[in-house]
Amino acid sequence: FYRTYGARYAALVVVCDMGKTAAAVLIGGHIFSALFSDWT
């Protein structure tokens, strides 16, 4: 993406890809913490 379009919109890609992972990690961690006391 960066090599094709440059840095102008690269931040949007970073926010999306890191944001979706953050959501997945936090949701999984909280579910396991609540049910099995194992956030990690």
PDB file of all heavy atoms in Angstrom:
ATOM      1  N   PHE A   1       0.840  -1.196   0.000  1.00  0.00           N
ATOM      2  CA  PHE A   1       0.000   0.000   0.000  1.00  0.00           C
ATOM      3  C   PHE A   1       0.876   1.247   0.000  1.00  0.00           C
ATOM      4  O   PHE A   1       0.661   2.182  -0.772  1.00  0.00           O
ATOM      5  CB  PHE A   1      -0.919   0.002   1.227  1.00  0.00           C
ATOM      6  CG  PHE A   1      -1.872   1.168   1.275  1.00  0.00           C
ATOM      7  CD1 PHE A   1      -3.161   1.045   0.776  1.00  0.00           C
ATOM      8  CD2 PHE A   1      -1.485   2.385   1.822  1.00  0.00           C
ATOM      9  CE1 PHE A   1      -4.048   2.123   0.807  1.00  0.00           C
ATOM     10  CE2 PHE A   1      -2.349   3.468   1.860  1.00  0.00           C
ATOM     11  CZ  PHE A   1      -3.634   3.335   1.351  1.00  0.00           C
ATOM     12  N   TYR A   2       1.877   1.265   0.869  1.00  0.00           N
ATOM     13  CA  TYR A   2       2.770   2.420   0.982  1.00  0.00           C
ATOM     14  C   TYR A   2       3.552   2.637  -0.304  1.00  0.00           C
ATOM     15  O   TYR A   2       3.694   3.760  -0.778  1.00  0.00           O
ATOM     16  CB  TYR A   2       3.722   2.204   2.158  1.00  0.00           C
ATOM     17  CG  TYR A   2       4.716   3.326   2.353  1.00  0.00           C
ATOM     18  CD1 TYR A   2       4.378   4.467   3.073  1.00  0.00           C
ATOM     19  CD2 TYR A   2       5.994   3.247   1.811  1.00  0.00           C
ATOM     20  CE1 TYR A   2       5.290   5.498   3.253  1.00  0.00           C
ATOM     21  CE2 TYR A   2       6.906   4.269   1.981  1.00  0.00           C
ATOM     22  CZ  TYR A   2       6.556   5.389   2.702  1.00  0.00           C
ATOM     23  OH  TYR A   2       7.463   6.404   2.869  1.00  0.00           O
ATOM     24  N   ARG A   3       4.062   1.554  -0.870  1.00  0.00           N
ATOM     25  CA  ARG A   3       4.843   1.679  -2.101  1.00  0.00           C
ATOM     26  C   ARG A   3       3.968   2.137  -3.272  1.00  0.00           C
ATOM     27  O   ARG A   3       4.446   2.778  -4.195  1.00  0.00           O
ATOM     28  CB  ARG A   3       5.498   0.336  -2.442  1.00  0.00           C
ATOM     29  CG  ARG A   3       6.597  -0.075  -1.470  1.00  0.00           C
ATOM     30  CD  ARG A   3       7.230  -1.389  -1.883  1.00  0.00           C
ATOM     31  NE  ARG A   3       8.195  -1.852  -0.915  1.00  0.00           N
ATOM     32  CZ  ARG A   3       9.456  -1.441  -0.850  1.00  0.00           C
ATOM     33  NH1 ARG A   3       9.877  -0.546  -1.712  1.00  0.00           N
ATOM     34  NH2 ARG A   3      10.272  -1.919   0.067  1.00  0.00           N
ATOM     35  N   THR A   4       2.699   1.802  -3.216  1.00  0.00           N
ATOM     36  CA  THR A   4       1.790   2.152  -4.306  1.00  0.00           C
ATOM     37  C   THR A   4       1.229   3.557  -4.177  1.00  0.00           C
ATOM     38  O   THR A   4       1.208   4.321  -5.144  1.00  0.00           O
ATOM     39  CB  THR A   4       0.615   1.155  -4.370  1.00  0.00           C
ATOM     40  OG1 THR A   4       1.128  -0.174  -4.539  1.00  0.00           O
ATOM     41  CG2 THR A   4      -0.325   1.482  -5.523  1.00  0.00           C
ATOM     42  N   TYR A   5       0.777   3.930  -2.965  1.00  0.00           N
ATOM     43  CA  TYR A   5       0.079   5.200  -2.784  1.00  0.00           C
ATOM     44  C   TYR A   5       0.842   6.228  -1.947  1.00  0.00           C
ATOM     45  O   TYR A   5       0.402   7.374  -1.837  1.00  0.00           O
ATOM     46  CB  TYR A   5      -1.285   4.962  -2.123  1.00  0.00           C
ATOM     47  CG  TYR A   5      -2.148   3.965  -2.852  1.00  0.00           C
ATOM     48  CD1 TYR A   5      -2.442   2.729  -2.279  1.00  0.00           C
ATOM     49  CD2 TYR A   5      -2.666   4.244  -4.113  1.00  0.00           C
ATOM     50  CE1 TYR A   5      -3.230   1.803  -2.937  1.00  0.00           C
ATOM     51  CE2 TYR A   5      -3.452   3.325  -4.783  1.00  0.00           C
ATOM     52  CZ  TYR A   5      -3.735   2.101  -4.183  1.00  0.00           C
ATOM     53  OH  TYR A   5      -4.513   1.191  -4.842  1.00  0.00           O
ATOM     54  N   GLY A   6       1.946   5.808  -1.332  1.00  0.00           N
ATOM     55  CA  GLY A   6       2.681   6.727  -0.480  1.00  0.00           C
ATOM     56  C   GLY A   6       2.116   6.765   0.933  1.00  0.00           C
ATOM     57  O   GLY A   6       1.293   5.941   1.319  1.00  0.00           O
ATOM     58  N   ALA A   7       2.570   7.756   1.705  1.00  0.00           N
ATOM     59  CA  ALA A   7       2.244   7.805   3.135  1.00  0.00           C
ATOM     60  C   ALA A   7       0.921   8.495   3.454  1.00  0.00           C
ATOM     61  O   ALA A   7       0.453   8.447   4.583  1.00  0.00           O
ATOM     62  CB  ALA A   7       3.370   8.516   3.882  1.00  0.00           C
ATOM     63  N   ARG A   8       0.327   9.127   2.459  1.00  0.00           N
ATOM     64  CA  ARG A   8      -0.848   9.975   2.723  1.00  0.00           C
ATOM     65  C   ARG A   8      -1.966   9.241   3.453  1.00  0.00           C
ATOM     66  O   ARG A   8      -2.549   9.770   4.398  1.00  0.00           O
ATOM     67  CB  ARG A   8      -1.372  10.545   1.407  1.00  0.00           C
ATOM     68  CG  ARG A   8      -2.530  11.516   1.582  1.00  0.00           C
ATOM     69  CD  ARG A   8      -2.944  12.125   0.262  1.00  0.00           C
ATOM     70  NE  ARG A   8      -4.035  13.073   0.436  1.00  0.00           N
ATOM     71  CZ  ARG A   8      -4.637  13.700  -0.559  1.00  0.00           C
ATOM     72  NH1 ARG A   8      -4.236  13.499  -1.818  1.00  0.00           N
ATOM     73  NH2 ARG A   8      -5.628  14.532  -0.330  1.00  0.00           N
ATOM     74  N   TYR A   9      -2.286   8.014   3.030  1.00  0.00           N
ATOM     75  CA  TYR A   9      -3.379   7.278   3.656  1.00  0.00           C
ATOM     76  C   TYR A   9      -2.899   6.042   4.432  1.00  0.00           C
ATOM     77  O   TYR A   9      -3.710   5.246   4.888  1.00  0.00           O
ATOM     78  CB  TYR A   9      -4.383   6.831   2.591  1.00  0.00           C
ATOM     79  CG  TYR A   9      -5.031   7.975   1.839  1.00  0.00           C
ATOM     80  CD1 TYR A   9      -4.714   8.215   0.501  1.00  0.00           C
ATOM     81  CD2 TYR A   9      -5.936   8.825   2.464  1.00  0.00           C
ATOM     82  CE1 TYR A   9      -5.301   9.263  -0.200  1.00  0.00           C
ATOM     83  CE2 TYR A   9      -6.528   9.876   1.780  1.00  0.00           C
ATOM     84  CZ  TYR A   9      -6.202  10.097   0.445  1.00  0.00           C
ATOM     85  OH  TYR A   9      -6.787  11.140  -0.236  1.00  0.00           O
ATOM     86  N   ALA A  10      -1.593   5.908   4.564  1.00  0.00           N
ATOM     87  CA  ALA A  10      -1.045   4.724   5.233  1.00  0.00           C
ATOM     88  C   ALA A  10      -1.516   4.610   6.681  1.00  0.00           C
ATOM     89  O   ALA A  10      -1.700   3.503   7.203  1.00  0.00           O
ATOM     90  CB  ALA A  10       0.473   4.743   5.171  1.00  0.00           C
ATOM     91  N   ALA A  11      -1.725   5.757   7.338  1.00  0.00           N
ATOM     92  CA  ALA A  11      -2.162   5.737   8.734  1.00  0.00           C
ATOM     93  C   ALA A  11      -3.515   5.046   8.884  1.00  0.00           C
ATOM     94  O   ALA A  11      -3.780   4.393   9.905  1.00  0.00           O
ATOM     95  CB  ALA A  11      -2.233   7.160   9.287  1.00  0.00           C
ATOM     96  N   LEU A  12      -4.368   5.190   7.878  1.00  0.00           N
ATOM     97  CA  LEU A  12      -5.672   4.529   7.932  1.00  0.00           C
ATOM     98  C   LEU A  12      -5.516   3.007   7.932  1.00  0.00           C
ATOM     99  O   LEU A  12      -6.250   2.298   8.619  1.00  0.00           O
ATOM    100  CB  LEU A  12      -6.533   4.968   6.742  1.00  0.00           C
ATOM    101  CG  LEU A  12      -6.936   6.443   6.695  1.00  0.00           C
ATOM    102  CD1 LEU A  12      -7.715   6.733   5.407  1.00  0.00           C
ATOM    103  CD2 LEU A  12      -7.766   6.800   7.913  1.00  0.00           C
ATOM    104  N   VAL A  13      -4.560   2.524   7.162  1.00  0.00           N
ATOM    105  CA  VAL A  13      -4.295   1.088   7.119  1.00  0.00           C
ATOM    106  C   VAL A  13      -3.790   0.609   8.477  1.00  0.00           C
ATOM    107  O   VAL A  13      -4.220  -0.425   8.992  1.00  0.00           O
ATOM    108  CB  VAL A  13      -3.262   0.755   6.023  1.00  0.00           C
ATOM    109  CG1 VAL A  13      -2.982  -0.741   5.989  1.00  0.00           C
ATOM    110  CG2 VAL A  13      -3.768   1.224   4.663  1.00  0.00           C
ATOM    111  N   VAL A  14      -2.878   1.373   9.058  1.00  0.00           N
ATOM    112  CA  VAL A  14      -2.322   1.020  10.366  1.00  0.00           C
ATOM    113  C   VAL A  14      -3.412   0.974  11.426  1.00  0.00           C
ATOM    114  O   VAL A  14      -3.497   0.028  12.210  1.00  0.00           O
ATOM    115  CB  VAL A  14      -1.223   2.025  10.776  1.00  0.00           C
ATOM    116  CG1 VAL A  14      -0.752   1.749  12.199  1.00  0.00           C
ATOM    117  CG2 VAL A  14      -0.050   1.959   9.812  1.00  0.00           C
ATOM    118  N   VAL A  15      -4.255   2.001  11.451  1.00  0.00           N
ATOM    119  CA  VAL A  15      -5.331   2.070  12.446  1.00  0.00           C
ATOM    120  C   VAL A  15      -6.291   0.897  12.293  1.00  0.00           C
ATOM    121  O   VAL A  15      -6.694   0.274  13.280  1.00  0.00           O
ATOM    122  CB  VAL A  15      -6.097   3.408  12.322  1.00  0.00           C
ATOM    123  CG1 VAL A  15      -7.369   3.377  13.176  1.00  0.00           C
ATOM    124  CG2 VAL A  15      -5.207   4.563  12.757  1.00  0.00           C
ATOM    125  N   CYS A  16      -6.648   0.574  11.064  1.00  0.00           N
ATOM    126  CA  CYS A  16      -7.580  -0.523  10.817  1.00  0.00           C
ATOM    127  C   CYS A  16      -6.982  -1.860  11.232  1.00  0.00           C
ATOM    128  O   CYS A  16      -7.601  -2.621  11.974  1.00  0.00           O
ATOM    129  CB  CYS A  16      -7.976  -0.554   9.346  1.00  0.00           C
ATOM    130  SG  CYS A  16      -9.134  -1.883   8.929  1.00  0.00           S
ATOM    131  N   ASP A  17      -5.757  -2.153  10.770  1.00  0.00           N
ATOM    132  CA  ASP A  17      -5.168  -3.460  11.018  1.00  0.00           C
ATOM    133  C   ASP A  17      -4.776  -3.667  12.481  1.00  0.00           C
ATOM    134  O   ASP A  17      -4.911  -4.768  13.026  1.00  0.00           O
ATOM    135  CB  ASP A  17      -3.954  -3.671  10.113  1.00  0.00           C
ATOM    136  CG  ASP A  17      -4.350  -3.916   8.669  1.00  0.00           C
ATOM    137  OD1 ASP A  17      -5.540  -4.189   8.428  1.00  0.00           O
ATOM    138  OD2 ASP A  17      -3.479  -3.825   7.776  1.00  0.00           O
ATOM    139  N   MET A  18      -4.300  -2.611  13.121  1.00  0.00           N
ATOM    140  CA  MET A  18      -3.962  -2.735  14.540  1.00  0.00           C
ATOM    141  C   MET A  18      -5.221  -2.662  15.402  1.00  0.00           C
ATOM    142  O   MET A  18      -5.318  -3.332  16.432  1.00  0.00           O
ATOM    143  CB  MET A  18      -2.966  -1.647  14.948  1.00  0.00           C
ATOM    144  CG  MET A  18      -1.620  -1.770  14.235  1.00  0.00           C
ATOM    145  SD  MET A  18      -0.333  -0.656  14.847  1.00  0.00           S
ATOM    146  CE  MET A  18       0.197  -1.530  16.322  1.00  0.00           C
ATOM    147  N   GLY A  19      -6.196  -1.867  14.955  1.00  0.00           N
ATOM    148  CA  GLY A  19      -7.440  -1.734  15.709  1.00  0.00           C
ATOM    149  C   GLY A  19      -8.245  -3.020  15.761  1.00  0.00           C
ATOM    150  O   GLY A  19      -8.776  -3.403  16.804  1.00  0.00           O
ATOM    151  N   LYS A  20      -8.337  -3.707  14.627  1.00  0.00           N
ATOM    152  CA  LYS A  20      -9.100  -4.954  14.594  1.00  0.00           C
ATOM    153  C   LYS A  20      -8.447  -6.007  15.488  1.00  0.00           C
ATOM    154  O   LYS A  20      -9.138  -6.795  16.147  1.00  0.00           O
ATOM    155  CB  LYS A  20      -9.217  -5.479  13.165  1.00  0.00           C
ATOM    156  CG  LYS A  20      -7.907  -6.010  12.580  1.00  0.00           C
ATOM    157  CD  LYS A  20      -8.021  -6.386  11.128  1.00  0.00           C
ATOM    158  CE  LYS A  20      -6.718  -6.961  10.579  1.00  0.00           C
ATOM    159  NZ  LYS A  20      -6.785  -7.199   9.121  1.00  0.00           N
ATOM    160  N   THR A  21      -7.103  -6.017  15.507  1.00  0.00           N
ATOM    161  CA  THR A  21      -6.402  -6.971  16.363  1.00  0.00           C
ATOM    162  C   THR A  21      -6.588  -6.622  17.827  1.00  0.00           C
ATOM    163  O   THR A  21      -6.782  -7.505  18.663  1.00  0.00           O
ATOM    164  CB  THR A  21      -4.900  -6.997  16.024  1.00  0.00           C
ATOM    165  OG1 THR A  21      -4.738  -7.257  14.635  1.00  0.00           O
ATOM    166  CG2 THR A  21      -4.191  -8.083  16.816  1.00  0.00           C
ATOM    167  N   ALA A  22      -6.547  -5.342  18.145  1.00  0.00           N
ATOM    168  CA  ALA A  22      -6.771  -4.911  19.517  1.00  0.00           C
ATOM    169  C   ALA A  22      -8.153  -5.348  19.995  1.00  0.00           C
ATOM    170  O   ALA A  22      -8.311  -5.847  21.121  1.00  0.00           O
ATOM    171  CB  ALA A  22      -6.629  -3.393  19.621  1.00  0.00           C
ATOM    172  N   ALA A  23      -9.154  -5.176  19.140  1.00  0.00           N
ATOM    173  CA  ALA A  23     -10.513  -5.591  19.502  1.00  0.00           C
ATOM    174  C   ALA A  23     -10.579  -7.092  19.744  1.00  0.00           C
ATOM    175  O   ALA A  23     -11.160  -7.554  20.733  1.00  0.00           O
ATOM    176  CB  ALA A  23     -11.482  -5.192  18.383  1.00  0.00           C
ATOM    177  N   ALA A  24      -9.957  -7.867  18.844  1.00  0.00           N
ATOM    178  CA  ALA A  24      -9.979  -9.330  18.989  1.00  0.00           C
ATOM    179  C   ALA A  24      -9.278  -9.778  20.256  1.00  0.00           C
ATOM    180  O   ALA A  24      -9.768 -10.645  20.991  1.00  0.00           O
ATOM    181  CB  ALA A  24      -9.315  -9.971  17.761  1.00  0.00           C
ATOM    182  N   VAL A  25      -8.121  -9.183  20.536  1.00  0.00           N
ATOM    183  CA  VAL A  25      -7.339  -9.560  21.722  1.00  0.00           C
ATOM    184  C   VAL A  25      -8.083  -9.197  22.995  1.00  0.00           C
ATOM    185  O   VAL A  25      -8.167 -10.007  23.943  1.00  0.00           O
ATOM    186  CB  VAL A  25      -5.957  -8.874  21.690  1.00  0.00           C
ATOM    187  CG1 VAL A  25      -5.232  -9.054  23.022  1.00  0.00           C
ATOM    188  CG2 VAL A  25      -5.114  -9.442  20.559  1.00  0.00           C
ATOM    189  N   LEU A  26      -8.625  -7.993  23.057  1.00  0.00           N
ATOM    190  CA  LEU A  26      -9.320  -7.543  24.271  1.00  0.00           C
ATOM    191  C   LEU A  26     -10.599  -8.331  24.519  1.00  0.00           C
ATOM    192  O   LEU A  26     -10.903  -8.699  25.664  1.00  0.00           O
ATOM    193  CB  LEU A  26      -9.629  -6.047  24.162  1.00  0.00           C
ATOM    194  CG  LEU A  26      -8.398  -5.126  24.179  1.00  0.00           C
ATOM    195  CD1 LEU A  26      -8.817  -3.683  23.919  1.00  0.00           C
ATOM    196  CD2 LEU A  26      -7.669  -5.243  25.513  1.00  0.00           C
ATOM    197  N   ILE A  27     -11.349  -8.595  23.458  1.00  0.00           N
ATOM    198  CA  ILE A  27     -12.573  -9.381  23.619  1.00  0.00           C
ATOM    199  C   ILE A  27     -12.242 -10.790  24.087  1.00  0.00           C
ATOM    200  O   ILE A  27     -12.843 -11.311  25.034  1.00  0.00           O
ATOM    201  CB  ILE A  27     -13.372  -9.425  22.298  1.00  0.00           C
ATOM    202  CG1 ILE A  27     -13.931  -8.039  21.971  1.00  0.00           C
ATOM    203  CG2 ILE A  27     -14.515 -10.442  22.395  1.00  0.00           C
ATOM    204  CD1 ILE A  27     -14.570  -7.937  20.596  1.00  0.00           C
ATOM    205  N   GLY A  28     -11.272 -11.435  23.436  1.00  0.00           N
ATOM    206  CA  GLY A  28     -10.875 -12.778  23.841  1.00  0.00           C
ATOM    207  C   GLY A  28     -10.349 -12.810  25.259  1.00  0.00           C
ATOM    208  O   GLY A  28     -10.687 -13.709  26.047  1.00  0.00           O
ATOM    209  N   GLY A  29      -9.527 -11.819  25.598  1.00  0.00           N
ATOM    210  CA  GLY A  29      -8.981 -11.761  26.948  1.00  0.00           C
ATOM    211  C   GLY A  29     -10.045 -11.604  28.011  1.00  0.00           C
ATOM    212  O   GLY A  29     -10.024 -12.284  29.040  1.00  0.00           O
ATOM    213  N   HIS A  30     -11.003 -10.722  27.769  1.00  0.00           N
ATOM    214  CA  HIS A  30     -12.061 -10.486  28.758  1.00  0.00           C
ATOM    215  C   HIS A  30     -12.997 -11.691  28.892  1.00  0.00           C
ATOM    216  O   HIS A  30     -13.456 -12.015  29.995  1.00  0.00           O
ATOM    217  CB  HIS A  30     -12.855  -9.229  28.389  1.00  0.00           C
ATOM    218  CG  HIS A  30     -12.118  -7.963  28.668  1.00  0.00           C
ATOM    219  ND1 HIS A  30     -11.596  -7.655  29.906  1.00  0.00           N
ATOM    220  CD2 HIS A  30     -11.789  -6.913  27.862  1.00  0.00           C
ATOM    221  CE1 HIS A  30     -11.008  -6.468  29.867  1.00  0.00           C
ATOM    222  NE2 HIS A  30     -11.098  -6.014  28.625  1.00  0.00           N
ATOM    223  N   ILE A  31     -13.285 -12.361  27.790  1.00  0.00           N
ATOM    224  CA  ILE A  31     -14.148 -13.547  27.859  1.00  0.00           C
ATOM    225  C   ILE A  31     -13.470 -14.642  28.675  1.00  0.00           C
ATOM    226  O   ILE A  31     -14.090 -15.246  29.574  1.00  0.00           O
ATOM    227  CB  ILE A  31     -14.469 -14.067  26.438  1.00  0.00           C
ATOM    228  CG1 ILE A  31     -15.430 -13.106  25.734  1.00  0.00           C
ATOM    229  CG2 ILE A  31     -15.087 -15.471  26.504  1.00  0.00           C
ATOM    230  CD1 ILE A  31     -15.731 -13.479  24.294  1.00  0.00           C
ATOM    231  N   PHE A  32     -12.215 -14.911  28.414  1.00  0.00           N
ATOM    232  CA  PHE A  32     -11.503 -15.955  29.144  1.00  0.00           C
ATOM    233  C   PHE A  32     -11.225 -15.552  30.589  1.00  0.00           C
ATOM    234  O   PHE A  32     -11.179 -16.404  31.480  1.00  0.00           O
ATOM    235  CB  PHE A  32     -10.189 -16.311  28.429  1.00  0.00           C
ATOM    236  CG  PHE A  32     -10.333 -17.458  27.479  1.00  0.00           C
ATOM    237  CD1 PHE A  32     -11.014 -17.297  26.284  1.00  0.00           C
ATOM    238  CD2 PHE A  32      -9.812 -18.704  27.782  1.00  0.00           C
ATOM    239  CE1 PHE A  32     -11.165 -18.359  25.398  1.00  0.00           C
ATOM    240  CE2 PHE A  32      -9.954 -19.773  26.910  1.00  0.00           C
ATOM    241  CZ  PHE A  32     -10.639 -19.605  25.717  1.00  0.00           C
ATOM    242  N   SER A  33     -11.052 -14.262  30.808  1.00  0.00           N
ATOM    243  CA  SER A  33     -10.856 -13.786  32.177  1.00  0.00           C
ATOM    244  C   SER A  33     -12.113 -13.991  33.006  1.00  0.00           C
ATOM    245  O   SER A  33     -12.057 -14.436  34.166  1.00  0.00           O
ATOM    246  CB  SER A  33     -10.479 -12.302  32.163  1.00  0.00           C
ATOM    247  OG  SER A  33     -10.321 -11.796  33.476  1.00  0.00           O
ATOM    248  N   ALA A  34     -13.274 -13.700  32.409  1.00  0.00           N
ATOM    249  CA  ALA A  34     -14.544 -13.838  33.124  1.00  0.00           C
ATOM    250  C   ALA A  34     -14.922 -15.302  33.358  1.00  0.00           C
ATOM    251  O   ALA A  34     -15.438 -15.650  34.424  1.00  0.00           O
ATOM    252  CB  ALA A  34     -15.647 -13.134  32.342  1.00  0.00           C
ATOM    253  N   LEU A  35     -14.659 -16.156  32.368  1.00  0.00           N
ATOM    254  CA  LEU A  35     -15.094 -17.552  32.470  1.00  0.00           C
ATOM    255  C   LEU A  35     -14.056 -18.484  33.080  1.00  0.00           C
ATOM    256  O   LEU A  35     -14.415 -19.438  33.784  1.00  0.00           O
ATOM    257  CB  LEU A  35     -15.473 -18.077  31.073  1.00  0.00           C
ATOM    258  CG  LEU A  35     -16.649 -17.389  30.377  1.00  0.00           C
ATOM    259  CD1 LEU A  35     -16.880 -17.992  28.996  1.00  0.00           C
ATOM    260  CD2 LEU A  35     -17.916 -17.511  31.226  1.00  0.00           C
ATOM    261  N   PHE A  36     -12.775 -18.216  32.830  1.00  0.00           N
ATOM    262  CA  PHE A  36     -11.733 -19.155  33.266  1.00  0.00           C
ATOM    263  C   PHE A  36     -10.583 -18.498  34.017  1.00  0.00           C
ATOM    264  O   PHE A  36      -9.587 -19.158  34.325  1.00  0.00           O
ATOM    265  CB  PHE A  36     -11.172 -19.894  32.044  1.00  0.00           C
ATOM    266  CG  PHE A  36     -12.224 -20.470  31.146  1.00  0.00           C
ATOM    267  CD1 PHE A  36     -12.467 -19.916  29.888  1.00  0.00           C
ATOM    268  CD2 PHE A  36     -13.007 -21.547  31.558  1.00  0.00           C
ATOM    269  CE1 PHE A  36     -13.446 -20.434  29.055  1.00  0.00           C
ATOM    270  CE2 PHE A  36     -13.996 -22.066  30.726  1.00  0.00           C
ATOM    271  CZ  PHE A  36     -14.215 -21.511  29.475  1.00  0.00           C
ATOM    272  N   SER A  37     -10.719 -17.213  34.315  1.00  0.00           N
ATOM    273  CA  SER A  37      -9.682 -16.468  35.033  1.00  0.00           C
ATOM    274  C   SER A  37      -8.319 -16.562  34.337  1.00  0.00           C
ATOM    275  O   SER A  37      -7.274 -16.705  34.974  1.00  0.00           O
ATOM    276  CB  SER A  37      -9.556 -16.971  36.484  1.00  0.00           C
ATOM    277  OG  SER A  37     -10.765 -16.807  37.177  1.00  0.00           O
ATOM    278  N   ASP A  38      -8.336 -16.484  33.022  1.00  0.00           N
ATOM    279  CA  ASP A  38      -7.086 -16.588  32.255  1.00  0.00           C
ATOM    280  C   ASP A  38      -7.130 -15.600  31.094  1.00  0.00           C
ATOM    281  O   ASP A  38      -7.436 -15.962  29.959  1.00  0.00           O
ATOM    282  CB  ASP A  38      -6.885 -18.018  31.745  1.00  0.00           C
ATOM    283  CG  ASP A  38      -5.467 -18.277  31.256  1.00  0.00           C
ATOM    284  OD1 ASP A  38      -4.766 -17.302  30.933  1.00  0.00           O
ATOM    285  OD2 ASP A  38      -5.058 -19.450  31.202  1.00  0.00           O
ATOM    286  N   TRP A  39      -6.797 -14.350  31.371  1.00  0.00           N
ATOM    287  CA  TRP A  39      -6.839 -13.309  30.352  1.00  0.00           C
ATOM    288  C   TRP A  39      -5.847 -13.581  29.238  1.00  0.00           C
ATOM    289  O   TRP A  39      -6.155 -13.404  28.052  1.00  0.00           O
ATOM    290  CB  TRP A  39      -6.534 -11.949  30.985  1.00  0.00           C
ATOM    291  CG  TRP A  39      -6.752 -10.794  30.047  1.00  0.00           C
ATOM    292  CD1 TRP A  39      -7.903 -10.069  29.901  1.00  0.00           C
ATOM    293  CD2 TRP A  39      -5.810 -10.245  29.108  1.00  0.00           C
ATOM    294  NE1 TRP A  39      -7.730  -9.096  28.934  1.00  0.00           N
ATOM    295  CE2 TRP A  39      -6.461  -9.185  28.439  1.00  0.00           C
ATOM    296  CE3 TRP A  39      -4.491 -10.548  28.783  1.00  0.00           C
ATOM    297  CZ2 TRP A  39      -5.828  -8.424  27.462  1.00  0.00           C
ATOM    298  CZ3 TRP A  39      -3.851  -9.790  27.797  1.00  0.00           C
ATOM    299  CH2 TRP A  39      -4.517  -8.752  27.148  1.00  0.00           C
ATOM    300  N   THR A  40      -4.665 -14.025  29.599  1.00  0.00           N
ATOM    301  CA  THR A  40      -3.604 -14.219  28.613  1.00  0.00           C
ATOM    302  C   THR A  40      -3.967 -15.278  27.572  1.00  0.00           C
ATOM    303  O   THR A  40      -3.717 -15.100  26.372  1.00  0.00           O
ATOM    304  CB  THR A  40      -2.289 -14.617  29.307  1.00  0.00           C
ATOM    305  OG1 THR A  40      -1.912 -13.587  30.228  1.00  0.00           O
ATOM    306  CG2 THR A  40      -1.170 -14.803  28.291  1.00  0.00           C
TER     307      THR A  40
END
